Amino acid sequence: MESCDLARLIDHTNLRPDATAADVRTLCAEAREHGFATACVNPIWVATAAAELKGTDVGVCAVVGFPTGAHTTPIKVAEAIQCVRSGATEIDMVANHGWLKEGRDEDYKLDIAAVRAAIGSGVILKVIIEASLLTEAQIIRAAALVAAAGADLVKTSTGIYGQARLEDVILLRRILPPHVKIKAAGGIRTAEQARTLIDVGAERIGTSSSVEIAVGIQGR
């Protein structure tokens, strides 16, 4: 896989709580230079990123319900709507892991479906299931519920509570319908890691090490 091909599968990410406007502008400049899929930012920086990336092929990804997912559904809906109005083209929403573990499957699904309905079909919706906190059976249930709620991608992790695991991507690709894609995120720092995850089924990579990955490929 060439560097440009891999770059187009990367969400170039800065979700640090102390990120500044200058940091976000740097993130966007790097995303433009390397041709990453999106620049992924916290909601407060969506408008800044959208302005920086206007007229480019790089999208703006915003996180919703980040990082715990333990927000009420109306709050997630309002946050998602505001992000889209500010220029987000993709939403990475954190699911409610506690509801899943309690067996509140309908609540879990409706939480996602409400955000899907609020942002419309023109905005890509990725749902973070935090696979490292779940058993295999819970991952299977979560994936089925995310797909039923109308999400475009299942995302493995925020990267805060666990890292991207090969076995999770393999399992998700086996059980998800073909139209639901997979984003692997958490601890992905090398092109080799990214390629391996893509080889087993991931179609998007989330990382803050995007530049190092892209430069490393170009330098080979």
C-alpha atoms as a PDB file:
ATOM      1  CA  MET A   1       0.000   0.000   0.000  1.00  0.00           C
ATOM      2  CA  GLU A   2       1.453   3.360  -1.062  1.00  0.00           C
ATOM      3  CA  SER A   3       1.688   6.246   1.400  1.00  0.00           C
ATOM      4  CA  CYS A   4      -1.038   8.251  -0.365  1.00  0.00           C
ATOM      5  CA  ASP A   5      -3.414   5.282  -0.257  1.00  0.00           C
ATOM      6  CA  LEU A   6      -2.816   4.708   3.448  1.00  0.00           C
ATOM      7  CA  ALA A   7      -3.100   8.427   4.198  1.00  0.00           C
ATOM      8  CA  ARG A   8      -6.614   8.531   2.731  1.00  0.00           C
ATOM      9  CA  LEU A   9      -7.693   6.016   5.375  1.00  0.00           C
ATOM     10  CA  ILE A  10      -6.388   8.005   8.351  1.00  0.00           C
ATOM     11  CA  ASP A  11      -8.301  10.322  10.673  1.00  0.00           C
ATOM     12  CA  HIS A  12      -5.530  12.685  11.830  1.00  0.00           C
ATOM     13  CA  THR A  13      -6.448  13.259  15.454  1.00  0.00           C
ATOM     14  CA  ASN A  14      -5.897  15.745  18.248  1.00  0.00           C
ATOM     15  CA  LEU A  15      -8.345  15.278  21.112  1.00  0.00           C
ATOM     16  CA  ARG A  16      -6.089  16.576  23.849  1.00  0.00           C
ATOM     17  CA  PRO A  17      -7.979  18.590  26.465  1.00  0.00           C
ATOM     18  CA  ASP A  18      -5.288  21.280  26.318  1.00  0.00           C
ATOM     19  CA  ALA A  19      -5.281  21.639  22.522  1.00  0.00           C
ATOM     20  CA  THR A  20      -5.220  25.246  21.337  1.00  0.00           C
ATOM     21  CA  ALA A  21      -6.380  26.945  18.151  1.00  0.00           C
ATOM     22  CA  ALA A  22      -2.771  26.925  16.961  1.00  0.00           C
ATOM     23  CA  ASP A  23      -2.609  23.174  17.536  1.00  0.00           C
ATOM     24  CA  VAL A  24      -5.773  22.665  15.497  1.00  0.00           C
ATOM     25  CA  ARG A  25      -4.438  24.800  12.638  1.00  0.00           C
ATOM     26  CA  THR A  26      -1.250  22.729  12.632  1.00  0.00           C
ATOM     27  CA  LEU A  27      -3.325  19.546  12.599  1.00  0.00           C
ATOM     28  CA  CYS A  28      -5.269  20.815   9.587  1.00  0.00           C
ATOM     29  CA  ALA A  29      -2.127  21.915   7.753  1.00  0.00           C
ATOM     30  CA  GLU A  30      -0.669  18.429   8.245  1.00  0.00           C
ATOM     31  CA  ALA A  31      -3.924  16.838   7.079  1.00  0.00           C
ATOM     32  CA  ARG A  32      -3.846  18.945   3.913  1.00  0.00           C
ATOM     33  CA  GLU A  33      -0.170  18.223   3.254  1.00  0.00           C
ATOM     34  CA  HIS A  34      -0.450  14.460   3.599  1.00  0.00           C
ATOM     35  CA  GLY A  35      -3.973  14.007   2.261  1.00  0.00           C
ATOM     36  CA  PHE A  36      -5.493  12.402   5.333  1.00  0.00           C
ATOM     37  CA  ALA A  37      -9.182  11.466   5.333  1.00  0.00           C
ATOM     38  CA  THR A  38     -10.104  13.908   8.096  1.00  0.00           C
ATOM     39  CA  ALA A  39      -8.847  16.080  10.880  1.00  0.00           C
ATOM     40  CA  CYS A  40     -10.511  14.803  14.060  1.00  0.00           C
ATOM     41  CA  VAL A  41     -11.096  17.349  16.815  1.00  0.00           C
ATOM     42  CA  ASN A  42     -13.142  18.109  19.887  1.00  0.00           C
ATOM     43  CA  PRO A  43     -16.452  19.935  19.255  1.00  0.00           C
ATOM     44  CA  ILE A  44     -15.142  23.339  20.276  1.00  0.00           C
ATOM     45  CA  TRP A  45     -12.620  23.255  17.409  1.00  0.00           C
ATOM     46  CA  VAL A  46     -14.916  22.107  14.598  1.00  0.00           C
ATOM     47  CA  ALA A  47     -15.522  25.587  13.163  1.00  0.00           C
ATOM     48  CA  THR A  48     -11.783  26.334  13.216  1.00  0.00           C
ATOM     49  CA  ALA A  49     -10.989  23.066  11.433  1.00  0.00           C
ATOM     50  CA  ALA A  50     -13.771  23.588   8.888  1.00  0.00           C
ATOM     51  CA  ALA A  51     -12.416  27.034   8.028  1.00  0.00           C
ATOM     52  CA  GLU A  52      -8.878  25.706   7.682  1.00  0.00           C
ATOM     53  CA  LEU A  53      -9.954  22.815   5.454  1.00  0.00           C
ATOM     54  CA  LYS A  54     -12.492  24.624   3.292  1.00  0.00           C
ATOM     55  CA  GLY A  55     -12.023  23.807  -0.385  1.00  0.00           C
ATOM     56  CA  THR A  56      -9.918  20.690   0.291  1.00  0.00           C
ATOM     57  CA  ASP A  57     -10.694  16.974   0.128  1.00  0.00           C
ATOM     58  CA  VAL A  58     -10.006  16.606   3.854  1.00  0.00           C
ATOM     59  CA  GLY A  59     -13.088  16.181   6.007  1.00  0.00           C
ATOM     60  CA  VAL A  60     -13.742  17.353   9.554  1.00  0.00           C
ATOM     61  CA  CYS A  61     -14.467  14.691  12.158  1.00  0.00           C
ATOM     62  CA  ALA A  62     -15.901  15.613  15.554  1.00  0.00           C
ATOM     63  CA  VAL A  63     -16.302  13.476  18.663  1.00  0.00           C
ATOM     64  CA  VAL A  64     -19.641  13.314  20.469  1.00  0.00           C
ATOM     65  CA  GLY A  65     -20.213  11.987  23.975  1.00  0.00           C
ATOM     66  CA  PHE A  66     -16.449  11.796  24.335  1.00  0.00           C
ATOM     67  CA  PRO A  67     -14.742  10.088  26.059  1.00  0.00           C
ATOM     68  CA  THR A  68     -17.118   8.052  28.270  1.00  0.00           C
ATOM     69  CA  GLY A  69     -20.374   7.856  26.322  1.00  0.00           C
ATOM     70  CA  ALA A  70     -22.181   8.321  29.630  1.00  0.00           C
ATOM     71  CA  HIS A  71     -24.079  11.384  28.448  1.00  0.00           C
ATOM     72  CA  THR A  72     -27.828  11.617  28.071  1.00  0.00           C
ATOM     73  CA  THR A  73     -29.152  11.069  24.571  1.00  0.00           C
ATOM     74  CA  PRO A  74     -30.463  14.656  24.197  1.00  0.00           C
ATOM     75  CA  ILE A  75     -27.005  15.977  25.051  1.00  0.00           C
ATOM     76  CA  LYS A  76     -25.377  13.743  22.422  1.00  0.00           C
ATOM     77  CA  VAL A  77     -27.977  14.785  19.863  1.00  0.00           C
ATOM     78  CA  ALA A  78     -27.486  18.492  20.598  1.00  0.00           C
ATOM     79  CA  GLU A  79     -23.708  18.139  20.473  1.00  0.00           C
ATOM     80  CA  ALA A  80     -23.855  16.285  17.148  1.00  0.00           C
ATOM     81  CA  ILE A  81     -26.190  18.853  15.600  1.00  0.00           C
ATOM     82  CA  GLN A  82     -23.965  21.721  16.694  1.00  0.00           C
ATOM     83  CA  CYS A  83     -20.893  19.978  15.310  1.00  0.00           C
ATOM     84  CA  VAL A  84     -22.545  19.451  11.917  1.00  0.00           C
ATOM     85  CA  ARG A  85     -23.745  23.049  11.818  1.00  0.00           C
ATOM     86  CA  SER A  86     -20.181  24.146  12.555  1.00  0.00           C
ATOM     87  CA  GLY A  87     -18.834  22.137   9.621  1.00  0.00           C
ATOM     88  CA  ALA A  88     -18.298  18.529  10.735  1.00  0.00           C
ATOM     89  CA  THR A  89     -18.616  16.015   7.908  1.00  0.00           C
ATOM     90  CA  GLU A  90     -18.159  12.993  10.181  1.00  0.00           C
ATOM     91  CA  ILE A  91     -19.172  12.214  13.764  1.00  0.00           C
ATOM     92  CA  ASP A  92     -17.402   9.770  16.080  1.00  0.00           C
ATOM     93  CA  MET A  93     -19.986   9.040  18.777  1.00  0.00           C
ATOM     94  CA  VAL A  94     -19.209   7.151  21.974  1.00  0.00           C
ATOM     95  CA  ALA A  95     -21.850   4.535  22.775  1.00  0.00           C
ATOM     96  CA  ASN A  96     -23.182   3.955  26.291  1.00  0.00           C
ATOM     97  CA  HIS A  97     -21.121   1.001  27.483  1.00  0.00           C
ATOM     98  CA  GLY A  98     -22.913   0.772  30.834  1.00  0.00           C
ATOM     99  CA  TRP A  99     -26.249   0.269  29.120  1.00  0.00           C
ATOM    100  CA  LEU A 100     -24.778  -2.519  27.019  1.00  0.00           C
ATOM    101  CA  LYS A 101     -23.359  -4.278  30.063  1.00  0.00           C
ATOM    102  CA  GLU A 102     -26.691  -3.961  31.874  1.00  0.00           C
ATOM    103  CA  GLY A 103     -28.505  -5.537  28.965  1.00  0.00           C
ATOM    104  CA  ARG A 104     -30.349  -2.334  28.075  1.00  0.00           C
ATOM    105  CA  ASP A 105     -29.972  -3.105  24.386  1.00  0.00           C
ATOM    106  CA  GLU A 106     -32.912  -1.027  23.209  1.00  0.00           C
ATOM    107  CA  ASP A 107     -31.672   2.068  25.057  1.00  0.00           C
ATOM    108  CA  TYR A 108     -28.187   1.485  23.625  1.00  0.00           C
ATOM    109  CA  LYS A 109     -29.547   1.270  20.095  1.00  0.00           C
ATOM    110  CA  LEU A 110     -31.948   4.213  20.427  1.00  0.00           C
ATOM    111  CA  ASP A 111     -29.130   6.429  21.736  1.00  0.00           C
ATOM    112  CA  ILE A 112     -27.252   5.832  18.484  1.00  0.00           C
ATOM    113  CA  ALA A 113     -30.354   5.997  16.296  1.00  0.00           C
ATOM    114  CA  ALA A 114     -31.250   9.410  17.737  1.00  0.00           C
ATOM    115  CA  VAL A 115     -27.887  10.846  16.681  1.00  0.00           C
ATOM    116  CA  ARG A 116     -28.189   9.165  13.279  1.00  0.00           C
ATOM    117  CA  ALA A 117     -31.603  10.774  12.733  1.00  0.00           C
ATOM    118  CA  ALA A 118     -30.425  14.170  13.954  1.00  0.00           C
ATOM    119  CA  ILE A 119     -27.421  14.487  11.634  1.00  0.00           C
ATOM    120  CA  GLY A 120     -28.983  12.935   8.541  1.00  0.00           C
ATOM    121  CA  SER A 121     -27.599  10.437   6.091  1.00  0.00           C
ATOM    122  CA  GLY A 122     -25.145  12.864   4.500  1.00  0.00           C
ATOM    123  CA  VAL A 123     -22.858  12.867   7.547  1.00  0.00           C
ATOM    124  CA  ILE A 124     -20.758   9.780   8.287  1.00  0.00           C
ATOM    125  CA  LEU A 125     -21.529   8.302  11.709  1.00  0.00           C
ATOM    126  CA  LYS A 126     -18.942   6.155  13.480  1.00  0.00           C
ATOM    127  CA  VAL A 127     -19.841   4.589  16.840  1.00  0.00           C
ATOM    128  CA  ILE A 128     -17.165   3.819  19.423  1.00  0.00           C
ATOM    129  CA  ILE A 129     -17.904   0.583  21.300  1.00  0.00           C
ATOM    130  CA  GLU A 130     -14.739   0.544  23.496  1.00  0.00           C
ATOM    131  CA  ALA A 131     -14.061  -3.108  22.695  1.00  0.00           C
ATOM    132  CA  SER A 132     -11.354  -3.554  25.324  1.00  0.00           C
ATOM    133  CA  LEU A 133     -13.978  -3.034  28.060  1.00  0.00           C
ATOM    134  CA  LEU A 134     -16.278  -5.711  26.609  1.00  0.00           C
ATOM    135  CA  THR A 135     -16.384  -9.477  26.423  1.00  0.00           C
ATOM    136  CA  GLU A 136     -16.538 -11.146  23.019  1.00  0.00           C
ATOM    137  CA  ALA A 137     -20.265 -11.736  23.467  1.00  0.00           C
ATOM    138  CA  GLN A 138     -20.768  -8.069  24.344  1.00  0.00           C
ATOM    139  CA  ILE A 139     -18.774  -6.965  21.292  1.00  0.00           C
ATOM    140  CA  ILE A 140     -21.032  -9.095  19.106  1.00  0.00           C
ATOM    141  CA  ARG A 141     -24.156  -7.561  20.674  1.00  0.00           C
ATOM    142  CA  ALA A 142     -22.759  -4.057  20.403  1.00  0.00           C
ATOM    143  CA  ALA A 143     -21.879  -4.495  16.740  1.00  0.00           C
ATOM    144  CA  ALA A 144     -25.342  -5.786  15.912  1.00  0.00           C
ATOM    145  CA  LEU A 145     -27.003  -2.883  17.721  1.00  0.00           C
ATOM    146  CA  VAL A 146     -24.754  -0.276  16.109  1.00  0.00           C
ATOM    147  CA  ALA A 147     -25.528  -1.679  12.668  1.00  0.00           C
ATOM    148  CA  ALA A 148     -29.263  -1.800  13.417  1.00  0.00           C
ATOM    149  CA  ALA A 149     -29.161   1.843  14.545  1.00  0.00           C
ATOM    150  CA  GLY A 150     -27.892   2.928  11.129  1.00  0.00           C
ATOM    151  CA  ALA A 151     -24.255   3.775  11.806  1.00  0.00           C
ATOM    152  CA  ASP A 152     -21.740   3.745   8.961  1.00  0.00           C
ATOM    153  CA  LEU A 153     -18.768   2.452  10.939  1.00  0.00           C
ATOM    154  CA  VAL A 154     -17.991   0.703  14.202  1.00  0.00           C
ATOM    155  CA  LYS A 155     -14.943   2.180  15.911  1.00  0.00           C
ATOM    156  CA  THR A 156     -12.975  -0.081  18.233  1.00  0.00           C
ATOM    157  CA  SER A 157     -11.845   2.363  20.896  1.00  0.00           C
ATOM    158  CA  THR A 158     -11.353   5.939  22.019  1.00  0.00           C
ATOM    159  CA  GLY A 159      -7.765   4.981  22.756  1.00  0.00           C
ATOM    160  CA  ILE A 160      -8.177   6.049  26.376  1.00  0.00           C
ATOM    161  CA  TYR A 161      -9.343   2.781  27.947  1.00  0.00           C
ATOM    162  CA  GLY A 162      -7.650   0.384  25.558  1.00  0.00           C
ATOM    163  CA  GLN A 163      -5.840   0.088  22.271  1.00  0.00           C
ATOM    164  CA  ALA A 164      -6.732  -1.252  18.852  1.00  0.00           C
ATOM    165  CA  ARG A 165      -6.590  -5.032  18.891  1.00  0.00           C
ATOM    166  CA  LEU A 166      -6.249  -7.229  15.843  1.00  0.00           C
ATOM    167  CA  GLU A 167      -8.692  -9.788  17.211  1.00  0.00           C
ATOM    168  CA  ASP A 168     -11.410  -7.155  17.644  1.00  0.00           C
ATOM    169  CA  VAL A 169     -11.162  -6.039  14.016  1.00  0.00           C
ATOM    170  CA  ILE A 170     -11.213  -9.660  12.819  1.00  0.00           C
ATOM    171  CA  LEU A 171     -14.299 -10.388  14.926  1.00  0.00           C
ATOM    172  CA  LEU A 172     -16.104  -7.227  13.850  1.00  0.00           C
ATOM    173  CA  ARG A 173     -15.467  -7.853  10.166  1.00  0.00           C
ATOM    174  CA  ARG A 174     -16.787 -11.381  10.530  1.00  0.00           C
ATOM    175  CA  ILE A 175     -20.050 -10.391  12.203  1.00  0.00           C
ATOM    176  CA  LEU A 176     -20.883  -6.986  10.697  1.00  0.00           C
ATOM    177  CA  PRO A 177     -22.877  -6.653   7.471  1.00  0.00           C
ATOM    178  CA  PRO A 178     -20.644  -5.653   4.537  1.00  0.00           C
ATOM    179  CA  HIS A 179     -21.984  -2.094   4.354  1.00  0.00           C
ATOM    180  CA  VAL A 180     -20.900  -1.313   7.931  1.00  0.00           C
ATOM    181  CA  LYS A 181     -17.209  -0.499   7.994  1.00  0.00           C
ATOM    182  CA  ILE A 182     -14.646  -0.557  10.792  1.00  0.00           C
ATOM    183  CA  LYS A 183     -12.413   2.144  12.257  1.00  0.00           C
ATOM    184  CA  ALA A 184      -9.488   0.960  14.358  1.00  0.00           C
ATOM    185  CA  ALA A 185      -8.106   3.411  16.895  1.00  0.00           C
ATOM    186  CA  GLY A 186      -5.912   3.446  19.957  1.00  0.00           C
ATOM    187  CA  GLY A 187      -2.139   3.091  20.092  1.00  0.00           C
ATOM    188  CA  ILE A 188      -1.576   2.907  16.337  1.00  0.00           C
ATOM    189  CA  ARG A 189       1.858   4.445  15.830  1.00  0.00           C
ATOM    190  CA  THR A 190       3.423   2.720  12.827  1.00  0.00           C
ATOM    191  CA  ALA A 191       2.533   2.036   9.216  1.00  0.00           C
ATOM    192  CA  GLU A 192       2.987  -1.672   9.879  1.00  0.00           C
ATOM    193  CA  GLN A 193       0.332  -1.595  12.596  1.00  0.00           C
ATOM    194  CA  ALA A 194      -2.020   0.347  10.344  1.00  0.00           C
ATOM    195  CA  ARG A 195      -1.494  -1.961   7.378  1.00  0.00           C
ATOM    196  CA  THR A 196      -2.050  -5.074   9.484  1.00  0.00           C
ATOM    197  CA  LEU A 197      -5.348  -3.719  10.805  1.00  0.00           C
ATOM    198  CA  ILE A 198      -6.447  -2.763   7.297  1.00  0.00           C
ATOM    199  CA  ASP A 199      -5.493  -6.186   5.982  1.00  0.00           C
ATOM    200  CA  VAL A 200      -7.904  -7.874   8.412  1.00  0.00           C
ATOM    201  CA  GLY A 201     -10.809  -5.530   7.778  1.00  0.00           C
ATOM    202  CA  ALA A 202     -10.347  -1.981   9.072  1.00  0.00           C
ATOM    203  CA  GLU A 203     -11.218   0.696   6.510  1.00  0.00           C
ATOM    204  CA  ARG A 204     -10.322   3.715   8.616  1.00  0.00           C
ATOM    205  CA  ILE A 205      -7.507   4.331  11.104  1.00  0.00           C
ATOM    206  CA  GLY A 206      -7.620   6.848  13.933  1.00  0.00           C
ATOM    207  CA  THR A 207      -4.270   8.068  15.220  1.00  0.00           C
ATOM    208  CA  SER A 208      -2.360  11.083  16.429  1.00  0.00           C
ATOM    209  CA  SER A 209       0.800   9.578  14.907  1.00  0.00           C
ATOM    210  CA  SER A 210      -0.417  10.134  11.339  1.00  0.00           C
ATOM    211  CA  VAL A 211       2.498  12.297  10.235  1.00  0.00           C
ATOM    212  CA  GLU A 212       5.085   9.884  11.610  1.00  0.00           C
ATOM    213  CA  ILE A 213       3.315   7.058   9.748  1.00  0.00           C
ATOM    214  CA  ALA A 214       3.154   9.008   6.472  1.00  0.00           C
ATOM    215  CA  VAL A 215       6.748  10.269   6.669  1.00  0.00           C
ATOM    216  CA  GLY A 216       7.981   6.809   7.615  1.00  0.00           C
ATOM    217  CA  ILE A 217       6.435   5.294   4.485  1.00  0.00           C
ATOM    218  CA  GLN A 218       7.816   8.026   2.238  1.00  0.00           C
ATOM    219  CA  GLY A 219      11.273   7.539   3.686  1.00  0.00           C
ATOM    220  CA  ARG A 220      11.406   3.823   2.908  1.00  0.00           C
END
